């Protein structure tokens, strides 16, 4: 995958997850989550990322079974795009946490996203 495609895919992913988070903000918030609406939106957006990438990862192995034998040297454009989308999500979530949560409450997750 060319660098330009990686940057475009990653940037589109950041935008996509921003829209997903915005969409959750427009939905009614469950009563149990009313105390921390930001956290409810963040966890819901995280679930969407996990759902999409979980199915996508299975499809990567289904479409390119050689990856099961060698994860280092074997990959497809489809699996490379999956990594780009996940990086986009991690970038989005990093900035969402920096802007909406106290550092003392989120430093572990911020470190997790940087790694």
N, C-alpha and C. Protein backbone atom coordinates (compact mmCIF):
# COMPACT_ATOMS: atom_id res chain seq x y z
N UNK A 1 0.85 -1.17 0.00
CA UNK A 1 0.00 0.00 0.00
C UNK A 1 0.89 1.23 0.00
N UNK A 2 0.66 2.14 -0.89
CA UNK A 2 1.47 3.35 -1.00
C UNK A 2 1.22 4.29 0.18
N UNK A 3 2.20 5.10 0.49
CA UNK A 3 2.11 6.03 1.61
C UNK A 3 0.90 6.94 1.48
N UNK A 4 0.65 7.42 0.28
CA UNK A 4 -0.49 8.31 0.07
C UNK A 4 -1.80 7.60 0.41
N UNK A 5 -1.93 6.33 0.05
CA UNK A 5 -3.13 5.56 0.38
C UNK A 5 -3.25 5.33 1.88
N UNK A 6 -2.12 5.09 2.53
CA UNK A 6 -2.12 4.89 3.98
C UNK A 6 -2.60 6.16 4.68
N UNK A 7 -2.06 7.30 4.28
CA UNK A 7 -2.44 8.58 4.89
C UNK A 7 -3.92 8.88 4.65
N UNK A 8 -4.39 8.62 3.43
CA UNK A 8 -5.80 8.85 3.11
C UNK A 8 -6.70 7.93 3.91
N UNK A 9 -6.35 6.65 4.00
CA UNK A 9 -7.16 5.69 4.76
C UNK A 9 -7.17 6.04 6.24
N UNK A 10 -6.02 6.39 6.78
CA UNK A 10 -5.92 6.75 8.20
C UNK A 10 -6.73 8.01 8.48
N UNK A 11 -6.60 9.02 7.64
CA UNK A 11 -7.36 10.26 7.81
C UNK A 11 -8.86 10.04 7.69
N UNK A 12 -9.26 9.22 6.73
CA UNK A 12 -10.69 8.91 6.58
C UNK A 12 -11.21 8.18 7.80
N UNK A 13 -10.38 7.33 8.38
CA UNK A 13 -10.76 6.61 9.59
C UNK A 13 -10.97 7.57 10.76
N UNK A 14 -10.05 8.52 10.92
CA UNK A 14 -10.21 9.53 11.98
C UNK A 14 -11.55 10.24 11.80
N UNK A 15 -11.85 10.66 10.59
CA UNK A 15 -13.11 11.35 10.30
C UNK A 15 -14.32 10.46 10.53
N UNK A 16 -14.22 9.20 10.12
CA UNK A 16 -15.33 8.26 10.30
C UNK A 16 -15.67 8.09 11.78
N UNK A 17 -14.65 7.89 12.61
CA UNK A 17 -14.92 7.68 14.02
C UNK A 17 -15.38 8.96 14.71
N UNK A 18 -14.99 10.10 14.21
CA UNK A 18 -15.53 11.37 14.71
C UNK A 18 -17.03 11.45 14.42
N UNK A 19 -17.43 11.04 13.22
CA UNK A 19 -18.84 11.03 12.84
C UNK A 19 -19.62 10.01 13.69
N UNK A 20 -19.04 8.84 13.90
CA UNK A 20 -19.68 7.82 14.74
C UNK A 20 -19.91 8.37 16.14
N UNK A 21 -18.89 9.01 16.71
CA UNK A 21 -19.01 9.57 18.06
C UNK A 21 -20.08 10.66 18.08
N UNK A 22 -20.11 11.49 17.06
CA UNK A 22 -21.12 12.54 16.96
C UNK A 22 -22.51 11.91 16.90
N UNK A 23 -22.63 10.83 16.12
CA UNK A 23 -23.92 10.14 16.01
C UNK A 23 -24.39 9.59 17.34
N UNK A 24 -23.48 9.02 18.12
CA UNK A 24 -23.87 8.55 19.45
C UNK A 24 -24.29 9.71 20.34
N UNK A 25 -23.71 10.87 20.13
CA UNK A 25 -24.09 12.05 20.91
C UNK A 25 -25.50 12.53 20.60
N UNK A 26 -26.01 12.19 19.43
CA UNK A 26 -27.35 12.59 19.02
C UNK A 26 -28.42 11.60 19.51
N UNK A 27 -28.00 10.42 19.94
CA UNK A 27 -28.94 9.41 20.43
C UNK A 27 -29.28 9.68 21.89
N UNK A 28 -30.43 9.16 22.33
CA UNK A 28 -30.74 9.28 23.76
C UNK A 28 -29.71 8.49 24.58
N UNK A 29 -29.28 9.08 25.68
CA UNK A 29 -28.28 8.45 26.54
C UNK A 29 -29.01 7.59 27.57
N UNK A 30 -28.58 6.34 27.73
CA UNK A 30 -29.22 5.51 28.77
C UNK A 30 -29.13 6.18 30.14
N UNK A 31 -30.12 5.93 30.95
CA UNK A 31 -30.19 6.57 32.27
C UNK A 31 -28.94 6.27 33.11
N UNK A 32 -28.43 5.05 32.99
CA UNK A 32 -27.26 4.67 33.79
C UNK A 32 -25.99 5.38 33.33
N UNK A 33 -25.99 5.94 32.12
CA UNK A 33 -24.80 6.61 31.59
C UNK A 33 -24.91 8.12 31.64
N UNK A 34 -25.98 8.64 32.16
CA UNK A 34 -26.21 10.09 32.16
C UNK A 34 -25.16 10.86 32.96
N UNK A 35 -24.58 10.21 33.97
CA UNK A 35 -23.58 10.90 34.79
C UNK A 35 -22.32 11.24 34.00
N UNK A 36 -21.99 10.42 33.01
CA UNK A 36 -20.78 10.65 32.21
C UNK A 36 -21.08 10.33 30.74
N UNK A 37 -21.74 11.27 30.07
CA UNK A 37 -22.16 11.07 28.69
C UNK A 37 -20.96 10.89 27.76
N UNK A 38 -19.87 11.62 28.04
CA UNK A 38 -18.68 11.48 27.18
C UNK A 38 -18.17 10.04 27.21
N UNK A 39 -18.10 9.44 28.39
CA UNK A 39 -17.59 8.08 28.52
C UNK A 39 -18.48 7.09 27.77
N UNK A 40 -19.79 7.29 27.83
CA UNK A 40 -20.73 6.42 27.11
C UNK A 40 -20.48 6.51 25.60
N UNK A 41 -20.31 7.72 25.08
CA UNK A 41 -20.03 7.89 23.65
C UNK A 41 -18.69 7.27 23.28
N UNK A 42 -17.68 7.46 24.14
CA UNK A 42 -16.34 6.93 23.87
C UNK A 42 -16.36 5.40 23.83
N UNK A 43 -17.01 4.79 24.80
CA UNK A 43 -17.08 3.32 24.84
C UNK A 43 -17.90 2.79 23.67
N UNK A 44 -18.97 3.48 23.31
CA UNK A 44 -19.78 3.06 22.17
C UNK A 44 -19.00 3.14 20.87
N UNK A 45 -18.23 4.20 20.71
CA UNK A 45 -17.38 4.34 19.51
C UNK A 45 -16.31 3.27 19.50
N UNK A 46 -15.75 2.96 20.65
CA UNK A 46 -14.76 1.90 20.76
C UNK A 46 -15.38 0.56 20.36
N UNK A 47 -16.62 0.32 20.75
CA UNK A 47 -17.31 -0.91 20.38
C UNK A 47 -17.46 -1.00 18.86
N UNK A 48 -17.82 0.10 18.21
CA UNK A 48 -17.96 0.11 16.75
C UNK A 48 -16.62 -0.25 16.10
N UNK A 49 -15.53 0.34 16.61
CA UNK A 49 -14.20 0.01 16.09
C UNK A 49 -13.91 -1.48 16.26
N UNK A 50 -14.15 -2.01 17.44
CA UNK A 50 -13.89 -3.43 17.71
C UNK A 50 -14.73 -4.33 16.83
N UNK A 51 -15.98 -3.99 16.64
CA UNK A 51 -16.88 -4.79 15.82
C UNK A 51 -16.39 -4.84 14.36
N UNK A 52 -16.09 -3.66 13.83
CA UNK A 52 -15.64 -3.58 12.43
C UNK A 52 -14.32 -4.31 12.24
N UNK A 53 -13.35 -4.01 13.09
CA UNK A 53 -12.01 -4.60 12.89
C UNK A 53 -11.98 -6.08 13.24
N UNK A 54 -12.83 -6.53 14.15
CA UNK A 54 -12.90 -7.95 14.45
C UNK A 54 -13.36 -8.76 13.26
N UNK A 55 -14.42 -8.31 12.63
CA UNK A 55 -14.92 -8.99 11.42
C UNK A 55 -13.89 -8.86 10.30
N UNK A 56 -13.31 -7.68 10.16
CA UNK A 56 -12.32 -7.43 9.11
C UNK A 56 -11.11 -8.35 9.26
N UNK A 57 -10.64 -8.56 10.50
CA UNK A 57 -9.47 -9.42 10.75
C UNK A 57 -9.77 -10.86 10.34
N UNK A 58 -10.95 -11.34 10.68
CA UNK A 58 -11.33 -12.70 10.27
C UNK A 58 -11.37 -12.80 8.75
N UNK A 59 -11.92 -11.79 8.11
CA UNK A 59 -11.96 -11.78 6.64
C UNK A 59 -10.55 -11.76 6.03
N UNK A 60 -9.62 -11.07 6.68
CA UNK A 60 -8.24 -11.04 6.19
C UNK A 60 -7.66 -12.45 6.13
N UNK A 61 -7.86 -13.22 7.19
CA UNK A 61 -7.34 -14.58 7.22
C UNK A 61 -8.11 -15.50 6.27
N UNK A 62 -9.39 -15.25 6.11
CA UNK A 62 -10.19 -16.04 5.19
C UNK A 62 -9.76 -15.80 3.74
N UNK A 63 -9.53 -14.54 3.40
CA UNK A 63 -9.18 -14.18 2.03
C UNK A 63 -7.70 -14.43 1.72
N UNK A 64 -6.86 -14.46 2.74
CA UNK A 64 -5.42 -14.62 2.54
C UNK A 64 -4.90 -15.59 3.61
N UNK A 65 -5.24 -16.89 3.49
CA UNK A 65 -4.89 -17.86 4.55
C UNK A 65 -3.40 -18.02 4.80
N UNK A 66 -2.55 -17.60 3.88
CA UNK A 66 -1.10 -17.70 4.07
C UNK A 66 -0.64 -16.88 5.28
N UNK A 67 -1.44 -15.89 5.67
CA UNK A 67 -1.06 -15.05 6.81
C UNK A 67 -1.00 -15.87 8.10
N UNK A 68 -1.77 -16.94 8.19
CA UNK A 68 -1.76 -17.77 9.39
C UNK A 68 -0.41 -18.46 9.59
N UNK A 69 0.31 -18.65 8.50
CA UNK A 69 1.61 -19.33 8.58
C UNK A 69 2.76 -18.36 8.83
N UNK A 70 2.64 -17.13 8.34
CA UNK A 70 3.72 -16.17 8.47
C UNK A 70 3.16 -14.75 8.57
N UNK A 71 2.99 -14.26 9.80
CA UNK A 71 2.43 -12.93 10.02
C UNK A 71 3.43 -11.81 9.76
N UNK A 72 4.71 -12.13 9.67
CA UNK A 72 5.72 -11.10 9.49
C UNK A 72 5.87 -10.72 8.02
N UNK A 73 6.06 -11.68 7.17
CA UNK A 73 6.33 -11.41 5.75
C UNK A 73 5.08 -11.44 4.87
N UNK A 74 4.01 -12.06 5.35
CA UNK A 74 2.82 -12.22 4.51
C UNK A 74 1.74 -11.24 4.95
N UNK A 75 1.23 -10.48 4.01
CA UNK A 75 0.10 -9.60 4.26
C UNK A 75 -0.56 -9.27 2.93
N UNK A 76 -1.73 -8.69 3.01
CA UNK A 76 -2.45 -8.28 1.81
C UNK A 76 -2.77 -6.79 1.92
N UNK A 77 -3.21 -6.22 0.85
CA UNK A 77 -3.63 -4.81 0.88
C UNK A 77 -4.81 -4.67 1.84
N UNK A 78 -5.67 -5.68 1.86
CA UNK A 78 -6.84 -5.68 2.75
C UNK A 78 -6.41 -5.63 4.22
N UNK A 79 -5.40 -6.42 4.58
CA UNK A 79 -4.93 -6.41 5.98
C UNK A 79 -4.16 -5.12 6.29
N UNK A 80 -3.46 -4.60 5.31
CA UNK A 80 -2.74 -3.34 5.51
C UNK A 80 -3.73 -2.20 5.74
N UNK A 81 -4.83 -2.23 5.01
CA UNK A 81 -5.87 -1.21 5.19
C UNK A 81 -6.48 -1.33 6.58
N UNK A 82 -6.62 -2.55 7.08
CA UNK A 82 -7.15 -2.76 8.44
C UNK A 82 -6.27 -2.07 9.47
N UNK A 83 -4.96 -2.19 9.31
CA UNK A 83 -4.03 -1.53 10.23
C UNK A 83 -4.17 -0.01 10.12
N UNK A 84 -4.31 0.50 8.91
CA UNK A 84 -4.47 1.95 8.72
C UNK A 84 -5.74 2.46 9.38
N UNK A 85 -6.82 1.70 9.25
CA UNK A 85 -8.09 2.10 9.87
C UNK A 85 -7.95 2.10 11.39
N UNK A 86 -7.29 1.09 11.94
CA UNK A 86 -7.10 1.03 13.39
C UNK A 86 -6.21 2.17 13.88
N UNK A 87 -5.17 2.48 13.14
CA UNK A 87 -4.32 3.62 13.53
C UNK A 87 -5.15 4.91 13.53
N UNK A 88 -6.01 5.06 12.54
CA UNK A 88 -6.90 6.22 12.50
C UNK A 88 -7.79 6.29 13.72
N UNK A 89 -8.32 5.13 14.12
CA UNK A 89 -9.16 5.10 15.33
C UNK A 89 -8.34 5.49 16.56
N UNK A 90 -7.12 4.95 16.69
CA UNK A 90 -6.29 5.26 17.85
C UNK A 90 -5.94 6.75 17.90
N UNK A 91 -5.68 7.34 16.74
CA UNK A 91 -5.41 8.79 16.69
C UNK A 91 -6.65 9.55 17.13
N UNK A 92 -7.82 9.17 16.58
CA UNK A 92 -9.06 9.84 16.96
C UNK A 92 -9.29 9.73 18.47
N UNK A 93 -9.19 8.51 19.01
CA UNK A 93 -9.49 8.29 20.41
C UNK A 93 -8.50 9.00 21.33
N UNK A 94 -7.24 9.05 20.91
CA UNK A 94 -6.22 9.76 21.68
C UNK A 94 -6.63 11.22 21.86
N UNK A 95 -6.96 11.88 20.76
CA UNK A 95 -7.34 13.30 20.84
C UNK A 95 -8.67 13.50 21.55
N UNK A 96 -9.59 12.56 21.39
CA UNK A 96 -10.87 12.65 22.10
C UNK A 96 -10.63 12.61 23.60
N UNK A 97 -9.74 11.74 24.05
CA UNK A 97 -9.44 11.66 25.49
C UNK A 97 -8.68 12.89 25.98
N UNK A 98 -7.71 13.36 25.19
CA UNK A 98 -6.94 14.55 25.59
C UNK A 98 -7.87 15.76 25.74
N UNK A 99 -8.84 15.89 24.85
CA UNK A 99 -9.72 17.06 24.87
C UNK A 99 -10.86 16.95 25.86
N UNK A 100 -11.25 15.73 26.25
CA UNK A 100 -12.47 15.58 27.03
C UNK A 100 -12.31 14.92 28.39
N UNK A 101 -11.10 14.53 28.75
CA UNK A 101 -10.93 13.84 30.03
C UNK A 101 -9.67 14.35 30.72
N UNK A 102 -9.69 14.34 32.04
CA UNK A 102 -8.52 14.75 32.81
C UNK A 102 -7.39 13.76 32.59
N UNK A 103 -6.19 14.28 32.45
CA UNK A 103 -5.02 13.44 32.22
C UNK A 103 -4.85 12.39 33.32
N UNK A 104 -5.13 12.76 34.53
CA UNK A 104 -4.95 11.83 35.65
C UNK A 104 -5.89 10.63 35.56
N UNK A 105 -7.00 10.77 34.83
CA UNK A 105 -7.95 9.67 34.66
C UNK A 105 -7.68 8.86 33.39
N UNK A 106 -6.83 9.35 32.51
CA UNK A 106 -6.70 8.68 31.22
C UNK A 106 -5.27 8.38 30.79
N UNK A 107 -4.28 8.63 31.62
CA UNK A 107 -2.90 8.49 31.17
C UNK A 107 -2.58 7.07 30.73
N UNK A 108 -3.19 6.04 31.35
CA UNK A 108 -2.90 4.66 30.94
C UNK A 108 -3.39 4.40 29.52
N UNK A 109 -4.61 4.85 29.22
CA UNK A 109 -5.15 4.64 27.88
C UNK A 109 -4.42 5.49 26.84
N UNK A 110 -4.02 6.69 27.21
CA UNK A 110 -3.24 7.52 26.29
C UNK A 110 -1.92 6.83 25.95
N UNK A 111 -1.28 6.28 26.95
CA UNK A 111 -0.03 5.54 26.73
C UNK A 111 -0.30 4.32 25.85
N UNK A 112 -1.39 3.62 26.11
CA UNK A 112 -1.78 2.45 25.30
C UNK A 112 -1.95 2.82 23.83
N UNK A 113 -2.59 3.95 23.57
CA UNK A 113 -2.80 4.37 22.18
C UNK A 113 -1.51 4.81 21.51
N UNK A 114 -0.59 5.37 22.28
CA UNK A 114 0.70 5.77 21.70
C UNK A 114 1.54 4.55 21.32
N UNK A 115 1.44 3.50 22.12
CA UNK A 115 2.22 2.29 21.86
C UNK A 115 1.59 1.58 20.70
